[in-house]
All heavy atoms as atom14 arrays in JSON, in Angstrom:
{
  "sequence": "SLLAISGGRWAVLGILFVHLVLAVEGLLWRAARVSSDVLVWLLGA",
  "atom14_mask": [
    [1, 1, 1, 1, 1, 1, 0, 0, 0, 0, 0, 0, 0, 0],
    [1, 1, 1, 1, 1, 1, 1, 1, 0, 0, 0, 0, 0, 0],
    [1, 1, 1, 1, 1, 1, 1, 1, 0, 0, 0, 0, 0, 0],
    [1, 1, 1, 1, 1, 0, 0, 0, 0, 0, 0, 0, 0, 0],
    [1, 1, 1, 1, 1, 1, 1, 1, 0, 0, 0, 0, 0, 0],
    [1, 1, 1, 1, 1, 1, 0, 0, 0, 0, 0, 0, 0, 0],
    [1, 1, 1, 1, 0, 0, 0, 0, 0, 0, 0, 0, 0, 0],
    [1, 1, 1, 1, 0, 0, 0, 0, 0, 0, 0, 0, 0, 0],
    [1, 1, 1, 1, 1, 1, 1, 1, 1, 1, 1, 0, 0, 0],
    [1, 1, 1, 1, 1, 1, 1, 1, 1, 1, 1, 1, 1, 1],
    [1, 1, 1, 1, 1, 0, 0, 0, 0, 0, 0, 0, 0, 0],
    [1, 1, 1, 1, 1, 1, 1, 0, 0, 0, 0, 0, 0, 0],
    [1, 1, 1, 1, 1, 1, 1, 1, 0, 0, 0, 0, 0, 0],
    [1, 1, 1, 1, 0, 0, 0, 0, 0, 0, 0, 0, 0, 0],
    [1, 1, 1, 1, 1, 1, 1, 1, 0, 0, 0, 0, 0, 0],
    [1, 1, 1, 1, 1, 1, 1, 1, 0, 0, 0, 0, 0, 0],
    [1, 1, 1, 1, 1, 1, 1, 1, 1, 1, 1, 0, 0, 0],
    [1, 1, 1, 1, 1, 1, 1, 0, 0, 0, 0, 0, 0, 0],
    [1, 1, 1, 1, 1, 1, 1, 1, 1, 1, 0, 0, 0, 0],
    [1, 1, 1, 1, 1, 1, 1, 1, 0, 0, 0, 0, 0, 0],
    [1, 1, 1, 1, 1, 1, 1, 0, 0, 0, 0, 0, 0, 0],
    [1, 1, 1, 1, 1, 1, 1, 1, 0, 0, 0, 0, 0, 0],
    [1, 1, 1, 1, 1, 0, 0, 0, 0, 0, 0, 0, 0, 0],
    [1, 1, 1, 1, 1, 1, 1, 0, 0, 0, 0, 0, 0, 0],
    [1, 1, 1, 1, 1, 1, 1, 1, 1, 0, 0, 0, 0, 0],
    [1, 1, 1, 1, 0, 0, 0, 0, 0, 0, 0, 0, 0, 0],
    [1, 1, 1, 1, 1, 1, 1, 1, 0, 0, 0, 0, 0, 0],
    [1, 1, 1, 1, 1, 1, 1, 1, 0, 0, 0, 0, 0, 0],
    [1, 1, 1, 1, 1, 1, 1, 1, 1, 1, 1, 1, 1, 1],
    [1, 1, 1, 1, 1, 1, 1, 1, 1, 1, 1, 0, 0, 0],
    [1, 1, 1, 1, 1, 0, 0, 0, 0, 0, 0, 0, 0, 0],
    [1, 1, 1, 1, 1, 0, 0, 0, 0, 0, 0, 0, 0, 0],
    [1, 1, 1, 1, 1, 1, 1, 1, 1, 1, 1, 0, 0, 0],
    [1, 1, 1, 1, 1, 1, 1, 0, 0, 0, 0, 0, 0, 0],
    [1, 1, 1, 1, 1, 1, 0, 0, 0, 0, 0, 0, 0, 0],
    [1, 1, 1, 1, 1, 1, 0, 0, 0, 0, 0, 0, 0, 0],
    [1, 1, 1, 1, 1, 1, 1, 1, 0, 0, 0, 0, 0, 0],
    [1, 1, 1, 1, 1, 1, 1, 0, 0, 0, 0, 0, 0, 0],
    [1, 1, 1, 1, 1, 1, 1, 1, 0, 0, 0, 0, 0, 0],
    [1, 1, 1, 1, 1, 1, 1, 0, 0, 0, 0, 0, 0, 0],
    [1, 1, 1, 1, 1, 1, 1, 1, 1, 1, 1, 1, 1, 1],
    [1, 1, 1, 1, 1, 1, 1, 1, 0, 0, 0, 0, 0, 0],
    [1, 1, 1, 1, 1, 1, 1, 1, 0, 0, 0, 0, 0, 0],
    [1, 1, 1, 1, 0, 0, 0, 0, 0, 0, 0, 0, 0, 0],
    [1, 1, 1, 1, 1, 0, 0, 0, 0, 0, 0, 0, 0, 0]
  ],
  "atom14_positions": [
    [[11.21, -6.84, -8.96], [11.05, -8.13, -9.62], [11.78, -9.23, -8.88], [11.25, -10.34, -8.67], [11.55, -8.06, -11.06], [10.71, -7.28, -11.87], [0.0, 0.0, 0.0], [0.0, 0.0, 0.0], [0.0, 0.0, 0.0], [0.0, 0.0, 0.0], [0.0, 0.0, 0.0], [0.0, 0.0, 0.0], [0.0, 0.0, 0.0], [0.0, 0.0, 0.0]],
    [[13.02, -8.96, -8.48], [13.81, -9.95, -7.75], [13.15, -10.31, -6.43], [13.08, -11.49, -6.05], [15.22, -9.41, -7.51], [16.19, -10.34, -6.78], [16.4, -11.62, -7.58], [17.52, -9.63, -6.54], [0.0, 0.0, 0.0], [0.0, 0.0, 0.0], [0.0, 0.0, 0.0], [0.0, 0.0, 0.0], [0.0, 0.0, 0.0], [0.0, 0.0, 0.0]],
    [[12.64, -9.3, -5.74], [11.96, -9.56, -4.46], [10.71, -10.39, -4.67], [10.43, -11.31, -3.89], [11.61, -8.22, -3.8], [10.91, -8.29, -2.44], [11.82, -8.97, -1.42], [10.55, -6.88, -1.97], [0.0, 0.0, 0.0], [0.0, 0.0, 0.0], [0.0, 0.0, 0.0], [0.0, 0.0, 0.0], [0.0, 0.0, 0.0], [0.0, 0.0, 0.0]],
    [[9.97, -10.09, -5.73], [8.72, -10.8, -5.99], [8.94, -12.27, -6.28], [8.18, -13.13, -5.82], [7.98, -10.13, -7.14], [0.0, 0.0, 0.0], [0.0, 0.0, 0.0], [0.0, 0.0, 0.0], [0.0, 0.0, 0.0], [0.0, 0.0, 0.0], [0.0, 0.0, 0.0], [0.0, 0.0, 0.0], [0.0, 0.0, 0.0], [0.0, 0.0, 0.0]],
    [[9.98, -12.6, -7.06], [10.19, -14.01, -7.45], [10.97, -14.8, -6.41], [10.94, -16.03, -6.43], [10.91, -14.11, -8.82], [12.31, -13.5, -8.76], [10.08, -13.46, -9.91], [13.09, -13.67, -10.05], [0.0, 0.0, 0.0], [0.0, 0.0, 0.0], [0.0, 0.0, 0.0], [0.0, 0.0, 0.0], [0.0, 0.0, 0.0], [0.0, 0.0, 0.0]],
    [[11.64, -14.1, -5.5], [12.45, -14.82, -4.51], [11.81, -14.83, -3.13], [12.13, -15.69, -2.3], [13.85, -14.21, -4.42], [13.78, -12.85, -3.99], [0.0, 0.0, 0.0], [0.0, 0.0, 0.0], [0.0, 0.0, 0.0], [0.0, 0.0, 0.0], [0.0, 0.0, 0.0], [0.0, 0.0, 0.0], [0.0, 0.0, 0.0], [0.0, 0.0, 0.0]],
    [[10.92, -13.88, -2.87], [10.38, -13.75, -1.51], [9.04, -14.41, -1.29], [8.53, -14.4, -0.17], [0.0, 0.0, 0.0], [0.0, 0.0, 0.0], [0.0, 0.0, 0.0], [0.0, 0.0, 0.0], [0.0, 0.0, 0.0], [0.0, 0.0, 0.0], [0.0, 0.0, 0.0], [0.0, 0.0, 0.0], [0.0, 0.0, 0.0], [0.0, 0.0, 0.0]],
    [[8.43, -14.95, -2.34], [7.15, -15.64, -2.17], [5.98, -14.7, -1.93], [6.05, -13.5, -2.2], [0.0, 0.0, 0.0], [0.0, 0.0, 0.0], [0.0, 0.0, 0.0], [0.0, 0.0, 0.0], [0.0, 0.0, 0.0], [0.0, 0.0, 0.0], [0.0, 0.0, 0.0], [0.0, 0.0, 0.0], [0.0, 0.0, 0.0], [0.0, 0.0, 0.0]],
    [[4.9, -15.26, -1.41], [3.64, -14.53, -1.27], [3.78, -13.3, -0.38], [3.21, -12.25, -0.68], [2.57, -15.45, -0.7], [1.22, -14.75, -0.5], [0.16, -15.72, -0.01], [-1.08, -15.03, 0.31], [-1.99, -14.65, -0.57], [-1.8, -14.9, -1.86], [-3.1, -14.03, -0.2], [0.0, 0.0, 0.0], [0.0, 0.0, 0.0], [0.0, 0.0, 0.0]],
    [[4.53, -13.42, 0.71], [4.63, -12.28, 1.61], [5.38, -11.11, 0.97], [5.08, -9.95, 1.25], [5.29, -12.7, 2.92], [4.39, -13.55, 3.76], [4.48, -14.88, 3.98], [3.2, -13.11, 4.45], [3.44, -15.32, 4.77], [2.65, -14.26, 5.07], [2.56, -11.88, 4.6], [1.49, -14.2, 5.84], [1.41, -11.8, 5.36], [0.88, -12.95, 5.97]],
    [[6.34, -11.41, 0.13], [7.03, -10.35, -0.59], [6.08, -9.66, -1.56], [6.08, -8.42, -1.67], [8.23, -10.91, -1.34], [0.0, 0.0, 0.0], [0.0, 0.0, 0.0], [0.0, 0.0, 0.0], [0.0, 0.0, 0.0], [0.0, 0.0, 0.0], [0.0, 0.0, 0.0], [0.0, 0.0, 0.0], [0.0, 0.0, 0.0], [0.0, 0.0, 0.0]],
    [[5.26, -10.44, -2.26], [4.28, -9.87, -3.17], [3.29, -9.0, -2.4], [2.95, -7.88, -2.82], [3.54, -10.99, -3.93], [2.36, -10.41, -4.73], [4.49, -11.71, -4.87], [0.0, 0.0, 0.0], [0.0, 0.0, 0.0], [0.0, 0.0, 0.0], [0.0, 0.0, 0.0], [0.0, 0.0, 0.0], [0.0, 0.0, 0.0], [0.0, 0.0, 0.0]],
    [[2.83, -9.49, -1.26], [1.91, -8.7, -0.43], [2.57, -7.4, 0.02], [1.93, -6.35, 0.06], [1.47, -9.52, 0.78], [0.43, -10.62, 0.51], [0.26, -11.5, 1.74], [-0.91, -10.0, 0.11], [0.0, 0.0, 0.0], [0.0, 0.0, 0.0], [0.0, 0.0, 0.0], [0.0, 0.0, 0.0], [0.0, 0.0, 0.0], [0.0, 0.0, 0.0]],
    [[3.85, -7.46, 0.36], [4.55, -6.25, 0.78], [4.65, -5.23, -0.33], [4.43, -4.03, -0.11], [0.0, 0.0, 0.0], [0.0, 0.0, 0.0], [0.0, 0.0, 0.0], [0.0, 0.0, 0.0], [0.0, 0.0, 0.0], [0.0, 0.0, 0.0], [0.0, 0.0, 0.0], [0.0, 0.0, 0.0], [0.0, 0.0, 0.0], [0.0, 0.0, 0.0]],
    [[4.99, -5.7, -1.54], [5.06, -4.8, -2.69], [3.71, -4.16, -2.97], [3.6, -2.95, -3.19], [5.56, -5.57, -3.92], [7.02, -6.0, -3.74], [5.43, -4.71, -5.2], [7.51, -6.95, -4.81], [0.0, 0.0, 0.0], [0.0, 0.0, 0.0], [0.0, 0.0, 0.0], [0.0, 0.0, 0.0], [0.0, 0.0, 0.0], [0.0, 0.0, 0.0]],
    [[2.66, -4.98, -2.93], [1.32, -4.46, -3.18], [0.92, -3.47, -2.1], [0.38, -2.39, -2.39], [0.32, -5.61, -3.24], [0.42, -6.55, -4.45], [-0.58, -7.69, -4.32], [0.18, -5.79, -5.74], [0.0, 0.0, 0.0], [0.0, 0.0, 0.0], [0.0, 0.0, 0.0], [0.0, 0.0, 0.0], [0.0, 0.0, 0.0], [0.0, 0.0, 0.0]],
    [[1.17, -3.8, -0.84], [0.78, -2.93, 0.26], [1.42, -1.55, 0.14], [0.74, -0.52, 0.22], [1.15, -3.57, 1.6], [1.01, -2.64, 2.77], [-0.23, -2.24, 3.22], [2.14, -2.15, 3.42], [-0.36, -1.37, 4.3], [2.04, -1.29, 4.49], [0.78, -0.89, 4.94], [0.0, 0.0, 0.0], [0.0, 0.0, 0.0], [0.0, 0.0, 0.0]],
    [[2.73, -1.52, -0.03], [3.44, -0.24, -0.11], [2.9, 0.62, -1.25], [2.6, 1.8, -1.07], [4.95, -0.48, -0.29], [5.66, 0.82, -0.65], [5.55, -1.06, 0.98], [0.0, 0.0, 0.0], [0.0, 0.0, 0.0], [0.0, 0.0, 0.0], [0.0, 0.0, 0.0], [0.0, 0.0, 0.0], [0.0, 0.0, 0.0], [0.0, 0.0, 0.0]],
    [[2.73, 0.02, -2.41], [2.32, 0.81, -3.57], [0.83, 1.16, -3.54], [0.43, 2.22, -4.04], [2.68, 0.07, -4.86], [4.15, 0.05, -5.13], [4.97, -0.97, -4.71], [4.95, 0.95, -5.76], [6.22, -0.7, -5.07], [6.23, 0.45, -5.71], [0.0, 0.0, 0.0], [0.0, 0.0, 0.0], [0.0, 0.0, 0.0], [0.0, 0.0, 0.0]],
    [[0.02, 0.31, -2.92], [-1.4, 0.66, -2.8], [-1.6, 1.8, -1.81], [-2.45, 2.67, -2.03], [-2.2, -0.57, -2.37], [-2.39, -1.64, -3.45], [-3.04, -2.88, -2.87], [-3.21, -1.11, -4.61], [0.0, 0.0, 0.0], [0.0, 0.0, 0.0], [0.0, 0.0, 0.0], [0.0, 0.0, 0.0], [0.0, 0.0, 0.0], [0.0, 0.0, 0.0]],
    [[-0.85, 1.82, -0.73], [-0.92, 2.96, 0.2], [-0.52, 4.24, -0.51], [-1.18, 5.29, -0.37], [-0.03, 2.71, 1.44], [0.13, 4.0, 2.26], [-0.61, 1.62, 2.32], [0.0, 0.0, 0.0], [0.0, 0.0, 0.0], [0.0, 0.0, 0.0], [0.0, 0.0, 0.0], [0.0, 0.0, 0.0], [0.0, 0.0, 0.0], [0.0, 0.0, 0.0]],
    [[0.56, 4.18, -1.27], [0.99, 5.35, -2.02], [-0.05, 5.76, -3.07], [-0.28, 6.96, -3.28], [2.33, 5.09, -2.71], [3.53, 4.91, -1.78], [4.79, 4.57, -2.59], [3.76, 6.16, -0.95], [0.0, 0.0, 0.0], [0.0, 0.0, 0.0], [0.0, 0.0, 0.0], [0.0, 0.0, 0.0], [0.0, 0.0, 0.0], [0.0, 0.0, 0.0]],
    [[-0.69, 4.77, -3.71], [-1.73, 5.08, -4.7], [-2.9, 5.79, -4.04], [-3.46, 6.74, -4.6], [-2.19, 3.8, -5.39], [0.0, 0.0, 0.0], [0.0, 0.0, 0.0], [0.0, 0.0, 0.0], [0.0, 0.0, 0.0], [0.0, 0.0, 0.0], [0.0, 0.0, 0.0], [0.0, 0.0, 0.0], [0.0, 0.0, 0.0], [0.0, 0.0, 0.0]],
    [[-3.29, 5.35, -2.85], [-4.37, 6.02, -2.12], [-3.96, 7.46, -1.78], [-4.74, 8.4, -1.94], [-4.72, 5.25, -0.83], [-5.66, 6.05, 0.05], [-5.35, 3.9, -1.18], [0.0, 0.0, 0.0], [0.0, 0.0, 0.0], [0.0, 0.0, 0.0], [0.0, 0.0, 0.0], [0.0, 0.0, 0.0], [0.0, 0.0, 0.0], [0.0, 0.0, 0.0]],
    [[-2.72, 7.62, -1.33], [-2.24, 8.96, -0.97], [-2.22, 9.88, -2.19], [-2.46, 11.09, -2.07], [-0.83, 8.87, -0.38], [-0.75, 8.2, 0.97], [-1.21, 9.1, 2.1], [-1.46, 10.3, 1.85], [-1.31, 8.61, 3.24], [0.0, 0.0, 0.0], [0.0, 0.0, 0.0], [0.0, 0.0, 0.0], [0.0, 0.0, 0.0], [0.0, 0.0, 0.0]],
    [[-1.94, 9.31, -3.37], [-1.87, 10.14, -4.56], [-3.2, 10.35, -5.24], [-3.58, 11.49, -5.53], [0.0, 0.0, 0.0], [0.0, 0.0, 0.0], [0.0, 0.0, 0.0], [0.0, 0.0, 0.0], [0.0, 0.0, 0.0], [0.0, 0.0, 0.0], [0.0, 0.0, 0.0], [0.0, 0.0, 0.0], [0.0, 0.0, 0.0], [0.0, 0.0, 0.0]],
    [[-3.93, 9.26, -5.48], [-5.19, 9.36, -6.23], [-6.34, 9.88, -5.39], [-7.23, 10.57, -5.9], [-5.55, 7.98, -6.8], [-4.55, 7.37, -7.8], [-4.97, 5.96, -8.16], [-4.45, 8.24, -9.05], [0.0, 0.0, 0.0], [0.0, 0.0, 0.0], [0.0, 0.0, 0.0], [0.0, 0.0, 0.0], [0.0, 0.0, 0.0], [0.0, 0.0, 0.0]],
    [[-6.33, 9.54, -4.11], [-7.41, 9.97, -3.2], [-6.86, 10.91, -2.14], [-7.18, 10.82, -0.96], [-8.06, 8.74, -2.54], [-8.61, 7.67, -3.49], [-9.14, 6.48, -2.69], [-9.71, 8.25, -4.37], [0.0, 0.0, 0.0], [0.0, 0.0, 0.0], [0.0, 0.0, 0.0], [0.0, 0.0, 0.0], [0.0, 0.0, 0.0], [0.0, 0.0, 0.0]],
    [[-6.03, 11.83, -2.58], [-5.27, 12.64, -1.64], [-6.14, 13.49, -0.73], [-5.81, 13.69, 0.45], [-4.28, 13.52, -2.39], [-4.9, 14.55, -3.28], [-5.36, 14.37, -4.53], [-5.12, 15.93, -2.96], [-5.86, 15.54, -5.05], [-5.72, 16.52, -4.1], [-4.86, 16.72, -1.85], [-6.08, 17.87, -4.14], [-5.21, 18.06, -1.88], [-5.81, 18.62, -3.02]],
    [[-7.26, 13.97, -1.21], [-8.12, 14.78, -0.34], [-8.68, 13.94, 0.81], [-8.68, 14.37, 1.97], [-9.28, 15.4, -1.15], [-8.85, 16.48, -2.12], [-10.06, 17.13, -2.79], [-9.69, 18.08, -3.8], [-9.38, 19.36, -3.55], [-9.4, 19.81, -2.32], [-9.04, 20.16, -4.54], [0.0, 0.0, 0.0], [0.0, 0.0, 0.0], [0.0, 0.0, 0.0]],
    [[-9.16, 12.74, 0.48], [-9.69, 11.85, 1.51], [-8.58, 11.38, 2.44], [-8.77, 11.26, 3.66], [-10.38, 10.66, 0.87], [0.0, 0.0, 0.0], [0.0, 0.0, 0.0], [0.0, 0.0, 0.0], [0.0, 0.0, 0.0], [0.0, 0.0, 0.0], [0.0, 0.0, 0.0], [0.0, 0.0, 0.0], [0.0, 0.0, 0.0], [0.0, 0.0, 0.0]],
    [[-7.4, 11.09, 1.88], [-6.29, 10.61, 2.69], [-5.82, 11.67, 3.68], [-5.42, 11.36, 4.81], [-5.14, 10.18, 1.8], [0.0, 0.0, 0.0], [0.0, 0.0, 0.0], [0.0, 0.0, 0.0], [0.0, 0.0, 0.0], [0.0, 0.0, 0.0], [0.0, 0.0, 0.0], [0.0, 0.0, 0.0], [0.0, 0.0, 0.0], [0.0, 0.0, 0.0]],
    [[-5.88, 12.95, 3.28], [-5.42, 14.02, 4.15], [-6.29, 14.14, 5.41], [-5.79, 14.43, 6.49], [-5.44, 15.35, 3.39], [-4.37, 15.47, 2.32], [-3.01, 15.8, 2.92], [-1.98, 15.89, 1.89], [-1.69, 16.99, 1.22], [-2.4, 18.1, 1.43], [-0.73, 16.99, 0.33], [0.0, 0.0, 0.0], [0.0, 0.0, 0.0], [0.0, 0.0, 0.0]],
    [[-7.6, 13.95, 5.25], [-8.5, 14.13, 6.39], [-8.72, 12.83, 7.14], [-9.33, 12.82, 8.21], [-9.87, 14.7, 5.93], [-9.68, 16.05, 5.28], [-10.57, 13.74, 4.98], [0.0, 0.0, 0.0], [0.0, 0.0, 0.0], [0.0, 0.0, 0.0], [0.0, 0.0, 0.0], [0.0, 0.0, 0.0], [0.0, 0.0, 0.0], [0.0, 0.0, 0.0]],
    [[-8.24, 11.71, 6.61], [-8.39, 10.42, 7.27], [-7.16, 10.15, 8.13], [-6.14, 10.85, 8.05], [-8.56, 9.32, 6.22], [-8.69, 8.07, 6.83], [0.0, 0.0, 0.0], [0.0, 0.0, 0.0], [0.0, 0.0, 0.0], [0.0, 0.0, 0.0], [0.0, 0.0, 0.0], [0.0, 0.0, 0.0], [0.0, 0.0, 0.0], [0.0, 0.0, 0.0]],
    [[-7.23, 9.13, 8.97], [-6.08, 8.76, 9.78], [-5.16, 7.85, 8.97], [-5.61, 7.13, 8.07], [-6.53, 8.04, 11.05], [-7.03, 6.75, 10.74], [0.0, 0.0, 0.0], [0.0, 0.0, 0.0], [0.0, 0.0, 0.0], [0.0, 0.0, 0.0], [0.0, 0.0, 0.0], [0.0, 0.0, 0.0], [0.0, 0.0, 0.0], [0.0, 0.0, 0.0]],
    [[-3.88, 7.86, 9.31], [-2.92, 7.0, 8.62], [-3.3, 5.53, 8.77], [-3.14, 4.74, 7.82], [-1.51, 7.24, 9.16], [-0.95, 8.58, 8.77], [-1.45, 9.17, 7.79], [-0.01, 9.05, 9.44], [0.0, 0.0, 0.0], [0.0, 0.0, 0.0], [0.0, 0.0, 0.0], [0.0, 0.0, 0.0], [0.0, 0.0, 0.0], [0.0, 0.0, 0.0]],
    [[-3.8, 5.17, 9.94], [-4.13, 3.77, 10.19], [-5.2, 3.28, 9.23], [-5.13, 2.16, 8.71], [-4.57, 3.57, 11.65], [-5.04, 2.13, 11.88], [-3.43, 3.9, 12.61], [0.0, 0.0, 0.0], [0.0, 0.0, 0.0], [0.0, 0.0, 0.0], [0.0, 0.0, 0.0], [0.0, 0.0, 0.0], [0.0, 0.0, 0.0], [0.0, 0.0, 0.0]],
    [[-6.21, 4.11, 8.96], [-7.27, 3.72, 8.03], [-6.72, 3.53, 6.62], [-7.12, 2.61, 5.9], [-8.39, 4.76, 8.03], [-9.27, 4.81, 9.28], [-10.29, 5.94, 9.16], [-9.97, 3.48, 9.49], [0.0, 0.0, 0.0], [0.0, 0.0, 0.0], [0.0, 0.0, 0.0], [0.0, 0.0, 0.0], [0.0, 0.0, 0.0], [0.0, 0.0, 0.0]],
    [[-5.81, 4.41, 6.21], [-5.19, 4.27, 4.89], [-4.38, 2.98, 4.82], [-4.42, 2.25, 3.83], [-4.3, 5.49, 4.58], [-3.55, 5.29, 3.26], [-5.15, 6.75, 4.49], [0.0, 0.0, 0.0], [0.0, 0.0, 0.0], [0.0, 0.0, 0.0], [0.0, 0.0, 0.0], [0.0, 0.0, 0.0], [0.0, 0.0, 0.0], [0.0, 0.0, 0.0]],
    [[-3.63, 2.68, 5.89], [-2.84, 1.45, 5.92], [-3.74, 0.22, 5.88], [-3.43, -0.76, 5.2], [-1.96, 1.41, 7.16], [-0.98, 2.54, 7.23], [-0.53, 3.32, 6.2], [-0.35, 3.04, 8.41], [0.34, 4.28, 6.66], [0.48, 4.14, 8.01], [-0.39, 2.7, 9.76], [1.24, 4.86, 8.92], [0.37, 3.41, 10.68], [1.18, 4.48, 10.25]],
    [[-4.85, 0.26, 6.62], [-5.79, -0.87, 6.62], [-6.4, -1.06, 5.23], [-6.57, -2.2, 4.78], [-6.88, -0.65, 7.65], [-6.47, -0.81, 9.12], [-7.63, -0.43, 10.04], [-6.02, -2.24, 9.4], [0.0, 0.0, 0.0], [0.0, 0.0, 0.0], [0.0, 0.0, 0.0], [0.0, 0.0, 0.0], [0.0, 0.0, 0.0], [0.0, 0.0, 0.0]],
    [[-6.72, 0.04, 4.57], [-7.27, -0.05, 3.21], [-6.24, -0.66, 2.27], [-6.55, -1.54, 1.47], [-7.68, 1.34, 2.72], [-8.2, 1.43, 1.28], [-9.44, 0.56, 1.12], [-8.5, 2.89, 0.91], [0.0, 0.0, 0.0], [0.0, 0.0, 0.0], [0.0, 0.0, 0.0], [0.0, 0.0, 0.0], [0.0, 0.0, 0.0], [0.0, 0.0, 0.0]],
    [[-4.99, -0.2, 2.38], [-3.93, -0.74, 1.53], [-3.69, -2.22, 1.79], [-3.52, -3.01, 0.86], [0.0, 0.0, 0.0], [0.0, 0.0, 0.0], [0.0, 0.0, 0.0], [0.0, 0.0, 0.0], [0.0, 0.0, 0.0], [0.0, 0.0, 0.0], [0.0, 0.0, 0.0], [0.0, 0.0, 0.0], [0.0, 0.0, 0.0], [0.0, 0.0, 0.0]],
    [[-3.69, -2.61, 3.06], [-3.44, -4.01, 3.42], [-4.57, -4.91, 2.95], [-4.32, -5.99, 2.4], [-3.26, -4.14, 4.93], [0.0, 0.0, 0.0], [0.0, 0.0, 0.0], [0.0, 0.0, 0.0], [0.0, 0.0, 0.0], [0.0, 0.0, 0.0], [0.0, 0.0, 0.0], [0.0, 0.0, 0.0], [0.0, 0.0, 0.0], [0.0, 0.0, 0.0]]
  ]
}
């Protein structure tokens, strides 16, 4: 919360990126395992 309100848009994007990558790894774990890390990062970004 502190990072989100003090860091502006880029901080919000960072929070979203990290957690969306983790969500892909968890919810779509079968696809994430056979895919490349770069594709997962691009999807999260």
